[in-house]
């Protein structure tokens, strides 16, 4: 939906990740 509506690539992304992978993302400096 967001892609078809014209949101720039990367502004909204669904991540196909597990809960454990998501936990690891919290410390990533690109996540605020």
ModelCIF file with pLDDT and N, C-alpha, C, O atoms, coordinates in Angstrom:
data_MODEL
#
_entry.id   MODEL 
#
_entity.id                         1 
_entity.type                       polymer 
_entity.pdbx_number_of_molecules   1 
#
_entity_poly.entity_id                      1 
_entity_poly.type                           'polypeptide(L)' 
_entity_poly.nstd_linkage                   no 
_entity_poly.nstd_monomer                   no 
_entity_poly.pdbx_seq_one_letter_code       
;(UNK)(UNK)(UNK)(UNK)(UNK)(UNK)(UNK)(UNK)(UNK)(UNK)(UNK)(UNK)(UNK)(UNK)(UNK)(UNK)
(UNK)(UNK)(UNK)(UNK)(UNK)(UNK)(UNK)(UNK)(UNK)(UNK)(UNK)(UNK)(UNK)(UNK)(UNK)(UNK)
;
_entity_poly.pdbx_seq_one_letter_code_can   XXXXXXXXXXXXXXXXXXXXXXXXXXXXXXXX 
_entity_poly.pdbx_strand_id                 A 
#
loop_
_entity_poly_seq.entity_id 
_entity_poly_seq.num 
_entity_poly_seq.mon_id 
_entity_poly_seq.hetero 
1 1  UNK n 
1 2  UNK n 
1 3  UNK n 
1 4  UNK n 
1 5  UNK n 
1 6  UNK n 
1 7  UNK n 
1 8  UNK n 
1 9  UNK n 
1 10 UNK n 
1 11 UNK n 
1 12 UNK n 
1 13 UNK n 
1 14 UNK n 
1 15 UNK n 
1 16 UNK n 
1 17 UNK n 
1 18 UNK n 
1 19 UNK n 
1 20 UNK n 
1 21 UNK n 
1 22 UNK n 
1 23 UNK n 
1 24 UNK n 
1 25 UNK n 
1 26 UNK n 
1 27 UNK n 
1 28 UNK n 
1 29 UNK n 
1 30 UNK n 
1 31 UNK n 
1 32 UNK n 
#
_struct_asym.id          A 
_struct_asym.entity_id   1 
#
loop_
_ma_qa_metric.id 
_ma_qa_metric.mode 
_ma_qa_metric.name 
_ma_qa_metric.software_group_id 
_ma_qa_metric.type 
1 global pLDDT . pLDDT 
2 local  pLDDT . pLDDT 
#
_ma_qa_metric_global.metric_id      1 
_ma_qa_metric_global.metric_value   97.69 
_ma_qa_metric_global.model_id       1 
_ma_qa_metric_global.ordinal_id     1 
#
loop_
_ma_qa_metric_local.label_asym_id 
_ma_qa_metric_local.label_comp_id 
_ma_qa_metric_local.label_seq_id 
_ma_qa_metric_local.metric_id 
_ma_qa_metric_local.metric_value 
_ma_qa_metric_local.model_id 
_ma_qa_metric_local.ordinal_id 
A UNK 1  2 98.00 1 1  
A UNK 2  2 98.00 1 2  
A UNK 3  2 98.00 1 3  
A UNK 4  2 98.00 1 4  
A UNK 5  2 98.00 1 5  
A UNK 6  2 98.00 1 6  
A UNK 7  2 98.00 1 7  
A UNK 8  2 98.00 1 8  
A UNK 9  2 98.00 1 9  
A UNK 10 2 98.00 1 10 
A UNK 11 2 98.00 1 11 
A UNK 12 2 98.00 1 12 
A UNK 13 2 98.00 1 13 
A UNK 14 2 98.00 1 14 
A UNK 15 2 98.00 1 15 
A UNK 16 2 98.00 1 16 
A UNK 17 2 98.00 1 17 
A UNK 18 2 97.00 1 18 
A UNK 19 2 96.00 1 19 
A UNK 20 2 96.00 1 20 
A UNK 21 2 97.00 1 21 
A UNK 22 2 97.00 1 22 
A UNK 23 2 97.00 1 23 
A UNK 24 2 96.00 1 24 
A UNK 25 2 98.00 1 25 
A UNK 26 2 98.00 1 26 
A UNK 27 2 98.00 1 27 
A UNK 28 2 98.00 1 28 
A UNK 29 2 98.00 1 29 
A UNK 30 2 98.00 1 30 
A UNK 31 2 98.00 1 31 
A UNK 32 2 98.00 1 32 
#
loop_
_atom_site.group_PDB 
_atom_site.id 
_atom_site.type_symbol 
_atom_site.label_atom_id 
_atom_site.label_alt_id 
_atom_site.label_comp_id 
_atom_site.label_asym_id 
_atom_site.label_entity_id 
_atom_site.label_seq_id 
_atom_site.pdbx_PDB_ins_code 
_atom_site.Cartn_x 
_atom_site.Cartn_y 
_atom_site.Cartn_z 
_atom_site.occupancy 
_atom_site.B_iso_or_equiv 
_atom_site.pdbx_formal_charge 
_atom_site.auth_seq_id 
_atom_site.auth_comp_id 
_atom_site.auth_asym_id 
_atom_site.auth_atom_id 
_atom_site.pdbx_PDB_model_num 
ATOM 1   N N  . UNK A 1 1  ? 0.824  -1.207  0.000  1.00 98.00 ? 1  UNK A N  1 
ATOM 2   C CA . UNK A 1 1  ? 0.000  0.000   0.000  1.00 98.00 ? 1  UNK A CA 1 
ATOM 3   C C  . UNK A 1 1  ? 0.857  1.255   0.000  1.00 98.00 ? 1  UNK A C  1 
ATOM 4   O O  . UNK A 1 1  ? 0.635  2.168   -0.796 1.00 98.00 ? 1  UNK A O  1 
ATOM 5   N N  . UNK A 1 2  ? 1.829  1.298   0.888  1.00 98.00 ? 2  UNK A N  1 
ATOM 6   C CA . UNK A 1 2  ? 2.677  2.483   0.989  1.00 98.00 ? 2  UNK A CA 1 
ATOM 7   C C  . UNK A 1 2  ? 3.526  2.659   -0.272 1.00 98.00 ? 2  UNK A C  1 
ATOM 8   O O  . UNK A 1 2  ? 3.752  3.782   -0.722 1.00 98.00 ? 2  UNK A O  1 
ATOM 9   N N  . UNK A 1 3  ? 3.987  1.557   -0.831 1.00 98.00 ? 3  UNK A N  1 
ATOM 10  C CA . UNK A 1 3  ? 4.767  1.654   -2.064 1.00 98.00 ? 3  UNK A CA 1 
ATOM 11  C C  . UNK A 1 3  ? 3.922  2.196   -3.211 1.00 98.00 ? 3  UNK A C  1 
ATOM 12  O O  . UNK A 1 3  ? 4.350  3.088   -3.943 1.00 98.00 ? 3  UNK A O  1 
ATOM 13  N N  . UNK A 1 4  ? 2.708  1.643   -3.359 1.00 98.00 ? 4  UNK A N  1 
ATOM 14  C CA . UNK A 1 4  ? 1.830  2.058   -4.457 1.00 98.00 ? 4  UNK A CA 1 
ATOM 15  C C  . UNK A 1 4  ? 1.376  3.503   -4.313 1.00 98.00 ? 4  UNK A C  1 
ATOM 16  O O  . UNK A 1 4  ? 1.082  4.166   -5.308 1.00 98.00 ? 4  UNK A O  1 
ATOM 17  N N  . UNK A 1 5  ? 1.318  3.994   -3.073 1.00 98.00 ? 5  UNK A N  1 
ATOM 18  C CA . UNK A 1 5  ? 0.873  5.373   -2.834 1.00 98.00 ? 5  UNK A CA 1 
ATOM 19  C C  . UNK A 1 5  ? 1.950  6.394   -3.128 1.00 98.00 ? 5  UNK A C  1 
ATOM 20  O O  . UNK A 1 5  ? 1.679  7.595   -3.127 1.00 98.00 ? 5  UNK A O  1 
ATOM 21  N N  . UNK A 1 6  ? 3.181  5.935   -3.381 1.00 98.00 ? 6  UNK A N  1 
ATOM 22  C CA . UNK A 1 6  ? 4.237  6.861   -3.745 1.00 98.00 ? 6  UNK A CA 1 
ATOM 23  C C  . UNK A 1 6  ? 5.154  7.291   -2.624 1.00 98.00 ? 6  UNK A C  1 
ATOM 24  O O  . UNK A 1 6  ? 5.876  8.276   -2.774 1.00 98.00 ? 6  UNK A O  1 
ATOM 25  N N  . UNK A 1 7  ? 5.150  6.583   -1.499 1.00 98.00 ? 7  UNK A N  1 
ATOM 26  C CA . UNK A 1 7  ? 6.134  6.900   -0.463 1.00 98.00 ? 7  UNK A CA 1 
ATOM 27  C C  . UNK A 1 7  ? 7.527  6.576   -0.991 1.00 98.00 ? 7  UNK A C  1 
ATOM 28  O O  . UNK A 1 7  ? 7.696  5.555   -1.658 1.00 98.00 ? 7  UNK A O  1 
ATOM 29  N N  . UNK A 1 8  ? 8.520  7.400   -0.719 1.00 98.00 ? 8  UNK A N  1 
ATOM 30  C CA . UNK A 1 8  ? 9.868  7.125   -1.212 1.00 98.00 ? 8  UNK A CA 1 
ATOM 31  C C  . UNK A 1 8  ? 10.372 5.775   -0.703 1.00 98.00 ? 8  UNK A C  1 
ATOM 32  O O  . UNK A 1 8  ? 10.061 5.391   0.425  1.00 98.00 ? 8  UNK A O  1 
ATOM 33  N N  . UNK A 1 9  ? 11.139 5.056   -1.509 1.00 98.00 ? 9  UNK A N  1 
ATOM 34  C CA . UNK A 1 9  ? 11.675 3.763   -1.072 1.00 98.00 ? 9  UNK A CA 1 
ATOM 35  C C  . UNK A 1 9  ? 12.442 3.894   0.239  1.00 98.00 ? 9  UNK A C  1 
ATOM 36  O O  . UNK A 1 9  ? 13.295 4.767   0.401  1.00 98.00 ? 9  UNK A O  1 
ATOM 37  N N  . UNK A 1 10 ? 12.117 3.010   1.159  1.00 98.00 ? 10 UNK A N  1 
ATOM 38  C CA . UNK A 1 10 ? 12.808 2.998   2.448  1.00 98.00 ? 10 UNK A CA 1 
ATOM 39  C C  . UNK A 1 10 ? 12.101 3.746   3.549  1.00 98.00 ? 10 UNK A C  1 
ATOM 40  O O  . UNK A 1 10 ? 12.420 3.546   4.721  1.00 98.00 ? 10 UNK A O  1 
ATOM 41  N N  . UNK A 1 11 ? 11.146 4.606   3.217  1.00 98.00 ? 11 UNK A N  1 
ATOM 42  C CA . UNK A 1 11 ? 10.456 5.372   4.263  1.00 98.00 ? 11 UNK A CA 1 
ATOM 43  C C  . UNK A 1 11 ? 9.569  4.470   5.106  1.00 98.00 ? 11 UNK A C  1 
ATOM 44  O O  . UNK A 1 11 ? 9.432  4.683   6.311  1.00 98.00 ? 11 UNK A O  1 
ATOM 45  N N  . UNK A 1 12 ? 8.966  3.464   4.479  1.00 98.00 ? 12 UNK A N  1 
ATOM 46  C CA . UNK A 1 12 ? 8.200  2.453   5.217  1.00 98.00 ? 12 UNK A CA 1 
ATOM 47  C C  . UNK A 1 12 ? 8.647  1.088   4.732  1.00 98.00 ? 12 UNK A C  1 
ATOM 48  O O  . UNK A 1 12 ? 8.503  0.765   3.553  1.00 98.00 ? 12 UNK A O  1 
ATOM 49  N N  . UNK A 1 13 ? 9.198  0.270   5.653  1.00 98.00 ? 13 UNK A N  1 
ATOM 50  C CA . UNK A 1 13 ? 9.660  -1.066  5.280  1.00 98.00 ? 13 UNK A CA 1 
ATOM 51  C C  . UNK A 1 13 ? 9.104  -2.100  6.254  1.00 98.00 ? 13 UNK A C  1 
ATOM 52  O O  . UNK A 1 13 ? 9.135  -1.919  7.471  1.00 98.00 ? 13 UNK A O  1 
ATOM 53  N N  . UNK A 1 14 ? 8.598  -3.180  5.685  1.00 98.00 ? 14 UNK A N  1 
ATOM 54  C CA . UNK A 1 14 ? 8.266  -4.361  6.492  1.00 98.00 ? 14 UNK A CA 1 
ATOM 55  C C  . UNK A 1 14 ? 9.499  -5.251  6.531  1.00 98.00 ? 14 UNK A C  1 
ATOM 56  O O  . UNK A 1 14 ? 10.045 -5.619  5.492  1.00 98.00 ? 14 UNK A O  1 
ATOM 57  N N  . UNK A 1 15 ? 9.930  -5.592  7.737  1.00 98.00 ? 15 UNK A N  1 
ATOM 58  C CA . UNK A 1 15 ? 11.107 -6.426  7.931  1.00 98.00 ? 15 UNK A CA 1 
ATOM 59  C C  . UNK A 1 15 ? 10.682 -7.867  8.184  1.00 98.00 ? 15 UNK A C  1 
ATOM 60  O O  . UNK A 1 15 ? 9.948  -8.141  9.133  1.00 98.00 ? 15 UNK A O  1 
ATOM 61  N N  . UNK A 1 16 ? 11.130 -8.767  7.359  1.00 98.00 ? 16 UNK A N  1 
ATOM 62  C CA . UNK A 1 16 ? 10.816 -10.190 7.521  1.00 98.00 ? 16 UNK A CA 1 
ATOM 63  C C  . UNK A 1 16 ? 11.837 -10.805 8.477  1.00 98.00 ? 16 UNK A C  1 
ATOM 64  O O  . UNK A 1 16 ? 12.760 -11.512 8.072  1.00 98.00 ? 16 UNK A O  1 
ATOM 65  N N  . UNK A 1 17 ? 11.634 -10.508 9.751  1.00 98.00 ? 17 UNK A N  1 
ATOM 66  C CA . UNK A 1 17 ? 12.615 -10.910 10.757 1.00 98.00 ? 17 UNK A CA 1 
ATOM 67  C C  . UNK A 1 17 ? 11.913 -11.593 11.926 1.00 98.00 ? 17 UNK A C  1 
ATOM 68  O O  . UNK A 1 17 ? 10.708 -11.437 12.124 1.00 98.00 ? 17 UNK A O  1 
ATOM 69  N N  . UNK A 1 18 ? 12.682 -12.343 12.685 1.00 97.00 ? 18 UNK A N  1 
ATOM 70  C CA . UNK A 1 18 ? 12.194 -12.976 13.901 1.00 97.00 ? 18 UNK A CA 1 
ATOM 71  C C  . UNK A 1 18 ? 12.224 -11.979 15.053 1.00 97.00 ? 18 UNK A C  1 
ATOM 72  O O  . UNK A 1 18 ? 12.767 -10.880 14.931 1.00 97.00 ? 18 UNK A O  1 
ATOM 73  N N  . UNK A 1 19 ? 11.634 -12.382 16.165 1.00 96.00 ? 19 UNK A N  1 
ATOM 74  C CA . UNK A 1 19 ? 11.682 -11.529 17.359 1.00 96.00 ? 19 UNK A CA 1 
ATOM 75  C C  . UNK A 1 19 ? 13.114 -11.320 17.816 1.00 96.00 ? 19 UNK A C  1 
ATOM 76  O O  . UNK A 1 19 ? 13.470 -10.228 18.258 1.00 96.00 ? 19 UNK A O  1 
ATOM 77  N N  . UNK A 1 20 ? 13.937 -12.353 17.714 1.00 96.00 ? 20 UNK A N  1 
ATOM 78  C CA . UNK A 1 20 ? 15.329 -12.237 18.124 1.00 96.00 ? 20 UNK A CA 1 
ATOM 79  C C  . UNK A 1 20 ? 16.077 -11.243 17.227 1.00 96.00 ? 20 UNK A C  1 
ATOM 80  O O  . UNK A 1 20 ? 16.879 -10.445 17.713 1.00 96.00 ? 20 UNK A O  1 
ATOM 81  N N  . UNK A 1 21 ? 15.814 -11.295 15.927 1.00 97.00 ? 21 UNK A N  1 
ATOM 82  C CA . UNK A 1 21 ? 16.445 -10.326 15.030 1.00 97.00 ? 21 UNK A CA 1 
ATOM 83  C C  . UNK A 1 21 ? 15.985 -8.903  15.335 1.00 97.00 ? 21 UNK A C  1 
ATOM 84  O O  . UNK A 1 21 ? 16.774 -7.960  15.289 1.00 97.00 ? 21 UNK A O  1 
ATOM 85  N N  . UNK A 1 22 ? 14.708 -8.764  15.645 1.00 97.00 ? 22 UNK A N  1 
ATOM 86  C CA . UNK A 1 22 ? 14.184 -7.437  15.971 1.00 97.00 ? 22 UNK A CA 1 
ATOM 87  C C  . UNK A 1 22 ? 14.830 -6.890  17.233 1.00 97.00 ? 22 UNK A C  1 
ATOM 88  O O  . UNK A 1 22 ? 15.123 -5.697  17.319 1.00 97.00 ? 22 UNK A O  1 
ATOM 89  N N  . UNK A 1 23 ? 15.049 -7.753  18.207 1.00 97.00 ? 23 UNK A N  1 
ATOM 90  C CA . UNK A 1 23 ? 15.724 -7.310  19.429 1.00 97.00 ? 23 UNK A CA 1 
ATOM 91  C C  . UNK A 1 23 ? 17.113 -6.761  19.109 1.00 97.00 ? 23 UNK A C  1 
ATOM 92  O O  . UNK A 1 23 ? 17.543 -5.763  19.688 1.00 97.00 ? 23 UNK A O  1 
ATOM 93  N N  . UNK A 1 24 ? 17.805 -7.414  18.193 1.00 96.00 ? 24 UNK A N  1 
ATOM 94  C CA . UNK A 1 24 ? 19.129 -6.951  17.824 1.00 96.00 ? 24 UNK A CA 1 
ATOM 95  C C  . UNK A 1 24 ? 19.118 -5.588  17.154 1.00 96.00 ? 24 UNK A C  1 
ATOM 96  O O  . UNK A 1 24 ? 20.095 -4.843  17.235 1.00 96.00 ? 24 UNK A O  1 
ATOM 97  N N  . UNK A 1 25 ? 18.004 -5.257  16.488 1.00 98.00 ? 25 UNK A N  1 
ATOM 98  C CA . UNK A 1 25 ? 17.909 -3.974  15.806 1.00 98.00 ? 25 UNK A CA 1 
ATOM 99  C C  . UNK A 1 25 ? 17.832 -2.790  16.756 1.00 98.00 ? 25 UNK A C  1 
ATOM 100 O O  . UNK A 1 25 ? 18.195 -1.671  16.393 1.00 98.00 ? 25 UNK A O  1 
ATOM 101 N N  . UNK A 1 26 ? 17.361 -3.036  17.970 1.00 98.00 ? 26 UNK A N  1 
ATOM 102 C CA . UNK A 1 26 ? 17.143 -1.921  18.899 1.00 98.00 ? 26 UNK A CA 1 
ATOM 103 C C  . UNK A 1 26 ? 18.440 -1.172  19.182 1.00 98.00 ? 26 UNK A C  1 
ATOM 104 O O  . UNK A 1 26 ? 18.428 0.045   19.367 1.00 98.00 ? 26 UNK A O  1 
ATOM 105 N N  . UNK A 1 27 ? 19.546 -1.887  19.214 1.00 98.00 ? 27 UNK A N  1 
ATOM 106 C CA . UNK A 1 27 ? 20.835 -1.239  19.488 1.00 98.00 ? 27 UNK A CA 1 
ATOM 107 C C  . UNK A 1 27 ? 21.452 -0.610  18.241 1.00 98.00 ? 27 UNK A C  1 
ATOM 108 O O  . UNK A 1 27 ? 22.433 0.125   18.352 1.00 98.00 ? 27 UNK A O  1 
ATOM 109 N N  . UNK A 1 28 ? 20.905 -0.879  17.067 1.00 98.00 ? 28 UNK A N  1 
ATOM 110 C CA . UNK A 1 28 ? 21.483 -0.354  15.832 1.00 98.00 ? 28 UNK A CA 1 
ATOM 111 C C  . UNK A 1 28 ? 21.377 1.173   15.817 1.00 98.00 ? 28 UNK A C  1 
ATOM 112 O O  . UNK A 1 28 ? 20.299 1.710   16.073 1.00 98.00 ? 28 UNK A O  1 
ATOM 113 N N  . UNK A 1 29 ? 22.449 1.872   15.529 1.00 98.00 ? 29 UNK A N  1 
ATOM 114 C CA . UNK A 1 29 ? 22.405 3.342   15.556 1.00 98.00 ? 29 UNK A CA 1 
ATOM 115 C C  . UNK A 1 29 ? 21.478 3.946   14.499 1.00 98.00 ? 29 UNK A C  1 
ATOM 116 O O  . UNK A 1 29 ? 21.138 5.125   14.586 1.00 98.00 ? 29 UNK A O  1 
ATOM 117 N N  . UNK A 1 30 ? 21.071 3.170   13.519 1.00 98.00 ? 30 UNK A N  1 
ATOM 118 C CA . UNK A 1 30 ? 20.140 3.683   12.503 1.00 98.00 ? 30 UNK A CA 1 
ATOM 119 C C  . UNK A 1 30 ? 18.688 3.606   12.956 1.00 98.00 ? 30 UNK A C  1 
ATOM 120 O O  . UNK A 1 30 ? 17.789 4.088   12.266 1.00 98.00 ? 30 UNK A O  1 
ATOM 121 N N  . UNK A 1 31 ? 18.465 3.002   14.110 1.00 98.00 ? 31 UNK A N  1 
ATOM 122 C CA . UNK A 1 31 ? 17.134 2.975   14.739 1.00 98.00 ? 31 UNK A CA 1 
ATOM 123 C C  . UNK A 1 31 ? 17.166 3.955   15.905 1.00 98.00 ? 31 UNK A C  1 
ATOM 124 O O  . UNK A 1 31 ? 18.033 3.858   16.774 1.00 98.00 ? 31 UNK A O  1 
ATOM 125 N N  . UNK A 1 32 ? 16.221 4.902   15.930 1.00 98.00 ? 32 UNK A N  1 
ATOM 126 C CA . UNK A 1 32 ? 16.275 5.981   16.911 1.00 98.00 ? 32 UNK A CA 1 
ATOM 127 C C  . UNK A 1 32 ? 15.229 5.860   18.016 1.00 98.00 ? 32 UNK A C  1 
ATOM 128 O O  . UNK A 1 32 ? 15.171 6.709   18.906 1.00 98.00 ? 32 UNK A O  1 
#
